[in-house]
Amino acid sequence: MKLLCDNVAIEVEVMGDGDPVLIIHGFTGCASAMTPLTELLDGRRITPDLIGHGQSESPASLGPYYLESISSQLSSLLSQLDASPASIVGYSMGGRIALTFALSYPEMVNSLALIGTSPGISDHRDRAQRLKHDYQLGASISQRGITDFVNTWVAQPMWQSLRQSLTSRQWQDSISQRISNHPLGLANSLRASGTGAMSPLHDVLQHLDAPTLLLVGEKDHKFLEVAQQFVS
């Protein structure tokens, strides 16, 4: 079903009964990409397509894509579904959104589970360089098309272990799902929701009240280091 959240049409799947659980996918994903995880969880599972992804709206303006704006959209979503406070599960970009949401709306959060999540880039020069790179990636979607972009995106080394763990059919289904996203939605997500555009949260993590679980793949050395910094 679609709900209007801060004037953005958001597609959302709701499954089961009980305590609410909000499940937030990563960049190029959608609600269905989280199905293997969703099916393992109990409770009333709420899985939206984020703005610019899946069947949700892909506005032309950047404003609605910033993490603070997406957090506001999710606040509206949970309020309309009478699903607050909720446990929040976020993967990658979805984890950064979950973290931003928990700091902005602590009264709506019971707990956090963050999978492969960064609190941002603290060094302003590194952050500026990442933002420049994200804008270049966004431009490449328009220049080369979404199919070429996705194929290049999933060819990165970070996807190798996932590809090896899936059957050929499962991997191709994953590629097809990513390609089905709206090109403008993905480009704007890179520009406004990427790590380069994110205000670093390191200095405000002490204000995070919700019990928080950090999950990292055993072969994900980059985010293992990030998680260790997160805790310290």
C-alpha atoms as a PDB file:
ATOM      1  CA  MET A   1       0.000   0.000   0.000  1.00  0.00           C
ATOM      2  CA  LYS A   2       1.016   3.613  -0.458  1.00  0.00           C
ATOM      3  CA  LEU A   3       0.967   6.261   2.248  1.00  0.00           C
ATOM      4  CA  LEU A   4       1.575   9.976   1.796  1.00  0.00           C
ATOM      5  CA  CYS A   5       4.410  10.896   4.139  1.00  0.00           C
ATOM      6  CA  ASP A   6       5.436  14.561   4.126  1.00  0.00           C
ATOM      7  CA  ASN A   7       3.949  14.858   0.627  1.00  0.00           C
ATOM      8  CA  VAL A   8       5.988  11.896  -0.648  1.00  0.00           C
ATOM      9  CA  ALA A   9       4.144   8.733  -1.723  1.00  0.00           C
ATOM     10  CA  ILE A  10       5.820   5.844   0.105  1.00  0.00           C
ATOM     11  CA  GLU A  11       5.108   2.207  -0.716  1.00  0.00           C
ATOM     12  CA  VAL A  12       5.097   0.005   2.386  1.00  0.00           C
ATOM     13  CA  GLU A  13       4.594  -3.679   3.153  1.00  0.00           C
ATOM     14  CA  VAL A  14       3.125  -4.692   6.526  1.00  0.00           C
ATOM     15  CA  MET A  15       3.277  -8.289   7.717  1.00  0.00           C
ATOM     16  CA  GLY A  16       2.184  -9.990  10.928  1.00  0.00           C
ATOM     17  CA  ASP A  17       0.970  -8.810  14.304  1.00  0.00           C
ATOM     18  CA  GLY A  18       2.513  -7.832  17.597  1.00  0.00           C
ATOM     19  CA  ASP A  19       5.213  -5.349  18.500  1.00  0.00           C
ATOM     20  CA  PRO A  20       6.155  -3.154  15.517  1.00  0.00           C
ATOM     21  CA  VAL A  21       9.473  -3.606  13.720  1.00  0.00           C
ATOM     22  CA  LEU A  22      10.554  -1.106  11.054  1.00  0.00           C
ATOM     23  CA  ILE A  23      12.963  -2.625   8.514  1.00  0.00           C
ATOM     24  CA  ILE A  24      14.934  -0.204   6.324  1.00  0.00           C
ATOM     25  CA  HIS A  25      16.737  -1.376   3.182  1.00  0.00           C
ATOM     26  CA  GLY A  26      19.984  -0.057   1.724  1.00  0.00           C
ATOM     27  CA  PHE A  27      20.882   1.909  -1.403  1.00  0.00           C
ATOM     28  CA  THR A  28      19.491   0.355  -4.624  1.00  0.00           C
ATOM     29  CA  GLY A  29      17.343  -1.982  -2.514  1.00  0.00           C
ATOM     30  CA  CYS A  30      13.628  -2.073  -1.747  1.00  0.00           C
ATOM     31  CA  ALA A  31      11.235  -3.736   0.687  1.00  0.00           C
ATOM     32  CA  SER A  32      11.326  -7.066  -1.145  1.00  0.00           C
ATOM     33  CA  ALA A  33      15.132  -7.131  -0.950  1.00  0.00           C
ATOM     34  CA  MET A  34      14.748  -7.435   2.830  1.00  0.00           C
ATOM     35  CA  THR A  35      12.280 -10.355   2.649  1.00  0.00           C
ATOM     36  CA  PRO A  36      14.790 -13.036   3.768  1.00  0.00           C
ATOM     37  CA  LEU A  37      15.403 -11.013   6.942  1.00  0.00           C
ATOM     38  CA  THR A  38      11.782  -9.962   7.386  1.00  0.00           C
ATOM     39  CA  GLU A  39      10.625 -13.581   7.369  1.00  0.00           C
ATOM     40  CA  LEU A  40      13.003 -14.422  10.221  1.00  0.00           C
ATOM     41  CA  LEU A  41      11.606 -11.736  12.520  1.00  0.00           C
ATOM     42  CA  ASP A  42       8.548 -11.756  14.752  1.00  0.00           C
ATOM     43  CA  GLY A  43       6.055  -8.965  15.307  1.00  0.00           C
ATOM     44  CA  ARG A  44       4.348  -6.498  13.030  1.00  0.00           C
ATOM     45  CA  ARG A  45       6.993  -6.034  10.369  1.00  0.00           C
ATOM     46  CA  ILE A  46       6.865  -2.754   8.455  1.00  0.00           C
ATOM     47  CA  THR A  47       9.090  -2.558   5.384  1.00  0.00           C
ATOM     48  CA  PRO A  48       8.929   0.589   3.228  1.00  0.00           C
ATOM     49  CA  ASP A  49      10.460   1.342  -0.136  1.00  0.00           C
ATOM     50  CA  LEU A  50      12.521   4.419   0.686  1.00  0.00           C
ATOM     51  CA  ILE A  51      12.050   7.577  -1.340  1.00  0.00           C
ATOM     52  CA  GLY A  52      13.638   7.108  -4.777  1.00  0.00           C
ATOM     53  CA  HIS A  53      13.500   3.318  -4.511  1.00  0.00           C
ATOM     54  CA  GLY A  54      11.106   0.566  -5.512  1.00  0.00           C
ATOM     55  CA  GLN A  55       7.520   1.717  -5.937  1.00  0.00           C
ATOM     56  CA  SER A  56       7.901   4.886  -3.866  1.00  0.00           C
ATOM     57  CA  GLU A  57       7.962   8.351  -5.373  1.00  0.00           C
ATOM     58  CA  SER A  58      11.147   9.799  -6.903  1.00  0.00           C
ATOM     59  CA  PRO A  59      10.853  13.605  -6.682  1.00  0.00           C
ATOM     60  CA  ALA A  60      13.122  15.799  -8.790  1.00  0.00           C
ATOM     61  CA  SER A  61      14.137  18.086  -5.907  1.00  0.00           C
ATOM     62  CA  LEU A  62      16.889  16.990  -3.518  1.00  0.00           C
ATOM     63  CA  GLY A  63      15.246  18.229  -0.316  1.00  0.00           C
ATOM     64  CA  PRO A  64      13.155  15.128   0.463  1.00  0.00           C
ATOM     65  CA  TYR A  65      16.182  12.822   0.058  1.00  0.00           C
ATOM     66  CA  TYR A  66      18.297  14.144   2.926  1.00  0.00           C
ATOM     67  CA  LEU A  67      18.475  11.795   5.904  1.00  0.00           C
ATOM     68  CA  GLU A  68      16.645  14.237   8.147  1.00  0.00           C
ATOM     69  CA  SER A  69      13.812  14.445   5.596  1.00  0.00           C
ATOM     70  CA  ILE A  70      13.635  10.664   5.243  1.00  0.00           C
ATOM     71  CA  SER A  71      13.522  10.371   9.034  1.00  0.00           C
ATOM     72  CA  SER A  72      10.550  12.733   9.053  1.00  0.00           C
ATOM     73  CA  GLN A  73       8.856  10.637   6.361  1.00  0.00           C
ATOM     74  CA  LEU A  74       9.343   7.504   8.462  1.00  0.00           C
ATOM     75  CA  SER A  75       7.981   9.296  11.518  1.00  0.00           C
ATOM     76  CA  SER A  76       4.847  10.093   9.527  1.00  0.00           C
ATOM     77  CA  LEU A  77       4.698   6.499   8.290  1.00  0.00           C
ATOM     78  CA  LEU A  78       4.833   5.009  11.785  1.00  0.00           C
ATOM     79  CA  SER A  79       2.302   7.520  13.081  1.00  0.00           C
ATOM     80  CA  GLN A  80      -0.169   6.697  10.311  1.00  0.00           C
ATOM     81  CA  LEU A  81       0.241   2.981  11.023  1.00  0.00           C
ATOM     82  CA  ASP A  82      -0.029   3.529  14.790  1.00  0.00           C
ATOM     83  CA  ALA A  83       3.250   1.631  15.059  1.00  0.00           C
ATOM     84  CA  SER A  84       5.290   3.592  17.547  1.00  0.00           C
ATOM     85  CA  PRO A  85       7.493   2.979  19.435  1.00  0.00           C
ATOM     86  CA  ALA A  86       9.103   0.420  17.150  1.00  0.00           C
ATOM     87  CA  SER A  87      12.238  -1.630  16.973  1.00  0.00           C
ATOM     88  CA  ILE A  88      14.278  -0.382  14.017  1.00  0.00           C
ATOM     89  CA  VAL A  89      16.444  -2.563  11.776  1.00  0.00           C
ATOM     90  CA  GLY A  90      18.566  -0.794   9.164  1.00  0.00           C
ATOM     91  CA  TYR A  91      21.019  -2.073   6.585  1.00  0.00           C
ATOM     92  CA  SER A  92      23.852   0.138   5.247  1.00  0.00           C
ATOM     93  CA  MET A  93      22.176   3.377   4.088  1.00  0.00           C
ATOM     94  CA  GLY A  94      19.104   2.137   5.940  1.00  0.00           C
ATOM     95  CA  GLY A  95      21.221   1.883   9.073  1.00  0.00           C
ATOM     96  CA  ARG A  96      22.350   5.486   8.726  1.00  0.00           C
ATOM     97  CA  ILE A  97      18.706   6.470   8.330  1.00  0.00           C
ATOM     98  CA  ALA A  98      17.775   4.393  11.390  1.00  0.00           C
ATOM     99  CA  LEU A  99      20.505   6.085  13.417  1.00  0.00           C
ATOM    100  CA  THR A 100      19.414   9.554  12.294  1.00  0.00           C
ATOM    101  CA  PHE A 101      15.798   8.639  13.047  1.00  0.00           C
ATOM    102  CA  ALA A 102      16.611   7.383  16.552  1.00  0.00           C
ATOM    103  CA  LEU A 103      18.463  10.582  17.414  1.00  0.00           C
ATOM    104  CA  SER A 104      15.670  12.758  15.997  1.00  0.00           C
ATOM    105  CA  TYR A 105      12.674  10.791  17.340  1.00  0.00           C
ATOM    106  CA  PRO A 106      13.888   8.875  20.420  1.00  0.00           C
ATOM    107  CA  GLU A 107      10.339   8.512  21.731  1.00  0.00           C
ATOM    108  CA  MET A 108       9.444   6.428  18.654  1.00  0.00           C
ATOM    109  CA  VAL A 109      12.280   3.898  19.066  1.00  0.00           C
ATOM    110  CA  ASN A 110      12.414   0.826  21.299  1.00  0.00           C
ATOM    111  CA  SER A 111      15.700  -0.549  20.015  1.00  0.00           C
ATOM    112  CA  LEU A 112      18.108  -0.435  17.079  1.00  0.00           C
ATOM    113  CA  ALA A 113      19.801  -3.133  15.017  1.00  0.00           C
ATOM    114  CA  LEU A 114      22.317  -1.589  12.616  1.00  0.00           C
ATOM    115  CA  ILE A 115      23.815  -3.773   9.884  1.00  0.00           C
ATOM    116  CA  GLY A 116      26.990  -2.528   8.197  1.00  0.00           C
ATOM    117  CA  THR A 117      26.321   1.013   9.348  1.00  0.00           C
ATOM    118  CA  SER A 118      28.524   4.093   9.573  1.00  0.00           C
ATOM    119  CA  PRO A 119      27.832   7.172  11.744  1.00  0.00           C
ATOM    120  CA  GLY A 120      29.256   9.304   8.944  1.00  0.00           C
ATOM    121  CA  ILE A 121      32.644  10.668   7.927  1.00  0.00           C
ATOM    122  CA  SER A 122      34.167  12.851  10.629  1.00  0.00           C
ATOM    123  CA  ASP A 123      37.008  14.388   8.592  1.00  0.00           C
ATOM    124  CA  HIS A 124      35.588  17.275   6.566  1.00  0.00           C
ATOM    125  CA  ARG A 125      38.077  16.821   3.708  1.00  0.00           C
ATOM    126  CA  ASP A 126      37.293  13.124   3.381  1.00  0.00           C
ATOM    127  CA  ARG A 127      33.587  13.951   3.570  1.00  0.00           C
ATOM    128  CA  ALA A 128      33.885  16.553   0.805  1.00  0.00           C
ATOM    129  CA  GLN A 129      35.770  14.067  -1.373  1.00  0.00           C
ATOM    130  CA  ARG A 130      33.080  11.439  -0.790  1.00  0.00           C
ATOM    131  CA  LEU A 131      30.342  13.933  -1.661  1.00  0.00           C
ATOM    132  CA  LYS A 132      32.137  14.759  -4.914  1.00  0.00           C
ATOM    133  CA  HIS A 133      32.393  11.047  -5.685  1.00  0.00           C
ATOM    134  CA  ASP A 134      28.692  10.508  -4.894  1.00  0.00           C
ATOM    135  CA  TYR A 135      27.741  13.323  -7.279  1.00  0.00           C
ATOM    136  CA  GLN A 136      29.900  11.752  -9.972  1.00  0.00           C
ATOM    137  CA  LEU A 137      28.156   8.417  -9.446  1.00  0.00           C
ATOM    138  CA  GLY A 138      24.785  10.156  -9.645  1.00  0.00           C
ATOM    139  CA  ALA A 139      25.770  11.781 -12.928  1.00  0.00           C
ATOM    140  CA  SER A 140      26.916   8.432 -14.304  1.00  0.00           C
ATOM    141  CA  ILE A 141      23.378   7.060 -13.967  1.00  0.00           C
ATOM    142  CA  SER A 142      22.111   9.761 -16.331  1.00  0.00           C
ATOM    143  CA  GLN A 143      25.063   9.416 -18.683  1.00  0.00           C
ATOM    144  CA  ARG A 144      25.384   5.627 -18.909  1.00  0.00           C
ATOM    145  CA  GLY A 145      21.962   4.402 -17.824  1.00  0.00           C
ATOM    146  CA  ILE A 146      20.845   2.482 -14.766  1.00  0.00           C
ATOM    147  CA  THR A 147      21.707  -0.979 -16.095  1.00  0.00           C
ATOM    148  CA  ASP A 148      25.351  -0.095 -16.649  1.00  0.00           C
ATOM    149  CA  PHE A 149      25.482   1.705 -13.300  1.00  0.00           C
ATOM    150  CA  VAL A 150      24.073  -1.260 -11.359  1.00  0.00           C
ATOM    151  CA  ASN A 151      26.365  -3.739 -13.101  1.00  0.00           C
ATOM    152  CA  THR A 152      29.347  -1.545 -12.218  1.00  0.00           C
ATOM    153  CA  TRP A 153      28.062  -1.054  -8.653  1.00  0.00           C
ATOM    154  CA  VAL A 154      27.714  -4.762  -7.891  1.00  0.00           C
ATOM    155  CA  ALA A 155      31.086  -5.532  -9.499  1.00  0.00           C
ATOM    156  CA  GLN A 156      32.793  -3.859  -6.527  1.00  0.00           C
ATOM    157  CA  PRO A 157      34.789  -6.207  -4.259  1.00  0.00           C
ATOM    158  CA  MET A 158      32.381  -5.648  -1.358  1.00  0.00           C
ATOM    159  CA  TRP A 159      29.726  -7.704  -3.185  1.00  0.00           C
ATOM    160  CA  GLN A 160      31.952 -10.694  -3.955  1.00  0.00           C
ATOM    161  CA  SER A 161      31.154 -12.777  -0.869  1.00  0.00           C
ATOM    162  CA  LEU A 162      27.418 -12.146  -1.256  1.00  0.00           C
ATOM    163  CA  ARG A 163      27.533 -13.243  -4.870  1.00  0.00           C
ATOM    164  CA  GLN A 164      29.332 -16.431  -3.880  1.00  0.00           C
ATOM    165  CA  SER A 165      26.681 -17.203  -1.241  1.00  0.00           C
ATOM    166  CA  LEU A 166      23.756 -16.941  -3.684  1.00  0.00           C
ATOM    167  CA  THR A 167      22.643 -19.173  -6.501  1.00  0.00           C
ATOM    168  CA  SER A 168      22.973 -17.789 -10.024  1.00  0.00           C
ATOM    169  CA  ARG A 169      19.199 -17.238 -10.117  1.00  0.00           C
ATOM    170  CA  GLN A 170      19.176 -15.408  -6.775  1.00  0.00           C
ATOM    171  CA  TRP A 171      22.027 -13.153  -7.883  1.00  0.00           C
ATOM    172  CA  GLN A 172      20.312 -12.315 -11.178  1.00  0.00           C
ATOM    173  CA  ASP A 173      17.064 -11.583  -9.322  1.00  0.00           C
ATOM    174  CA  SER A 174      19.008  -9.201  -7.079  1.00  0.00           C
ATOM    175  CA  ILE A 175      20.455  -7.438 -10.135  1.00  0.00           C
ATOM    176  CA  SER A 176      17.020  -7.172 -11.761  1.00  0.00           C
ATOM    177  CA  GLN A 177      15.542  -5.672  -8.593  1.00  0.00           C
ATOM    178  CA  ARG A 178      18.231  -3.000  -8.448  1.00  0.00           C
ATOM    179  CA  ILE A 179      17.838  -2.156 -12.140  1.00  0.00           C
ATOM    180  CA  SER A 180      14.072  -1.741 -11.658  1.00  0.00           C
ATOM    181  CA  ASN A 181      14.638   1.339  -9.488  1.00  0.00           C
ATOM    182  CA  HIS A 182      14.004   4.815 -10.885  1.00  0.00           C
ATOM    183  CA  PRO A 183      17.241   6.362 -12.264  1.00  0.00           C
ATOM    184  CA  LEU A 184      16.475   9.822 -10.881  1.00  0.00           C
ATOM    185  CA  GLY A 185      15.609   8.347  -7.492  1.00  0.00           C
ATOM    186  CA  LEU A 186      18.947   6.571  -7.216  1.00  0.00           C
ATOM    187  CA  ALA A 187      20.894   9.589  -8.459  1.00  0.00           C
ATOM    188  CA  ASN A 188      19.234  11.893  -5.929  1.00  0.00           C
ATOM    189  CA  SER A 189      19.748   9.331  -3.169  1.00  0.00           C
ATOM    190  CA  LEU A 190      23.476   9.350  -3.888  1.00  0.00           C
ATOM    191  CA  ARG A 191      23.573  13.145  -3.862  1.00  0.00           C
ATOM    192  CA  ALA A 192      21.549  13.733  -0.692  1.00  0.00           C
ATOM    193  CA  SER A 193      21.445  10.436   1.246  1.00  0.00           C
ATOM    194  CA  GLY A 194      25.035   9.325   0.673  1.00  0.00           C
ATOM    195  CA  THR A 195      27.701   9.325   3.348  1.00  0.00           C
ATOM    196  CA  GLY A 196      29.240  12.437   1.814  1.00  0.00           C
ATOM    197  CA  ALA A 197      26.073  14.470   2.373  1.00  0.00           C
ATOM    198  CA  MET A 198      25.497  13.099   5.871  1.00  0.00           C
ATOM    199  CA  SER A 199      26.254  15.217   8.917  1.00  0.00           C
ATOM    200  CA  PRO A 200      28.639  13.058  11.000  1.00  0.00           C
ATOM    201  CA  LEU A 201      27.031  11.770  14.187  1.00  0.00           C
ATOM    202  CA  HIS A 202      30.107  10.812  16.202  1.00  0.00           C
ATOM    203  CA  ASP A 203      29.706  13.708  18.644  1.00  0.00           C
ATOM    204  CA  VAL A 204      26.039  12.981  19.391  1.00  0.00           C
ATOM    205  CA  LEU A 205      26.131   9.198  19.749  1.00  0.00           C
ATOM    206  CA  GLN A 206      26.245   9.596  23.526  1.00  0.00           C
ATOM    207  CA  HIS A 207      22.678  10.908  23.300  1.00  0.00           C
ATOM    208  CA  LEU A 208      21.467   7.645  21.770  1.00  0.00           C
ATOM    209  CA  ASP A 209      19.204   6.115  24.429  1.00  0.00           C
ATOM    210  CA  ALA A 210      17.865   3.058  22.616  1.00  0.00           C
ATOM    211  CA  PRO A 211      19.567  -0.323  23.138  1.00  0.00           C
ATOM    212  CA  THR A 212      21.657  -0.782  19.991  1.00  0.00           C
ATOM    213  CA  LEU A 213      22.990  -3.911  18.304  1.00  0.00           C
ATOM    214  CA  LEU A 214      25.750  -3.553  15.696  1.00  0.00           C
ATOM    215  CA  LEU A 215      25.937  -6.342  13.104  1.00  0.00           C
ATOM    216  CA  VAL A 216      28.857  -6.808  10.714  1.00  0.00           C
ATOM    217  CA  GLY A 217      29.682  -9.625   8.309  1.00  0.00           C
ATOM    218  CA  GLU A 218      32.774 -11.572   9.354  1.00  0.00           C
ATOM    219  CA  LYS A 219      34.456 -10.759   6.026  1.00  0.00           C
ATOM    220  CA  ASP A 220      33.455  -7.089   6.095  1.00  0.00           C
ATOM    221  CA  HIS A 221      36.724  -5.753   7.490  1.00  0.00           C
ATOM    222  CA  LYS A 222      35.912  -2.121   6.730  1.00  0.00           C
ATOM    223  CA  PHE A 223      32.701  -2.089   8.751  1.00  0.00           C
ATOM    224  CA  LEU A 224      34.185  -4.224  11.503  1.00  0.00           C
ATOM    225  CA  GLU A 225      36.610  -1.358  12.094  1.00  0.00           C
ATOM    226  CA  VAL A 226      33.753   1.167  11.852  1.00  0.00           C
ATOM    227  CA  ALA A 227      31.746  -0.806  14.429  1.00  0.00           C
ATOM    228  CA  GLN A 228      34.710  -0.878  16.808  1.00  0.00           C
ATOM    229  CA  GLN A 229      35.063   2.899  16.473  1.00  0.00           C
ATOM    230  CA  PHE A 230      31.304   3.186  16.968  1.00  0.00           C
ATOM    231  CA  VAL A 231      31.500   1.413  20.330  1.00  0.00           C
ATOM    232  CA  SER A 232      34.569   3.335  21.504  1.00  0.00           C
END
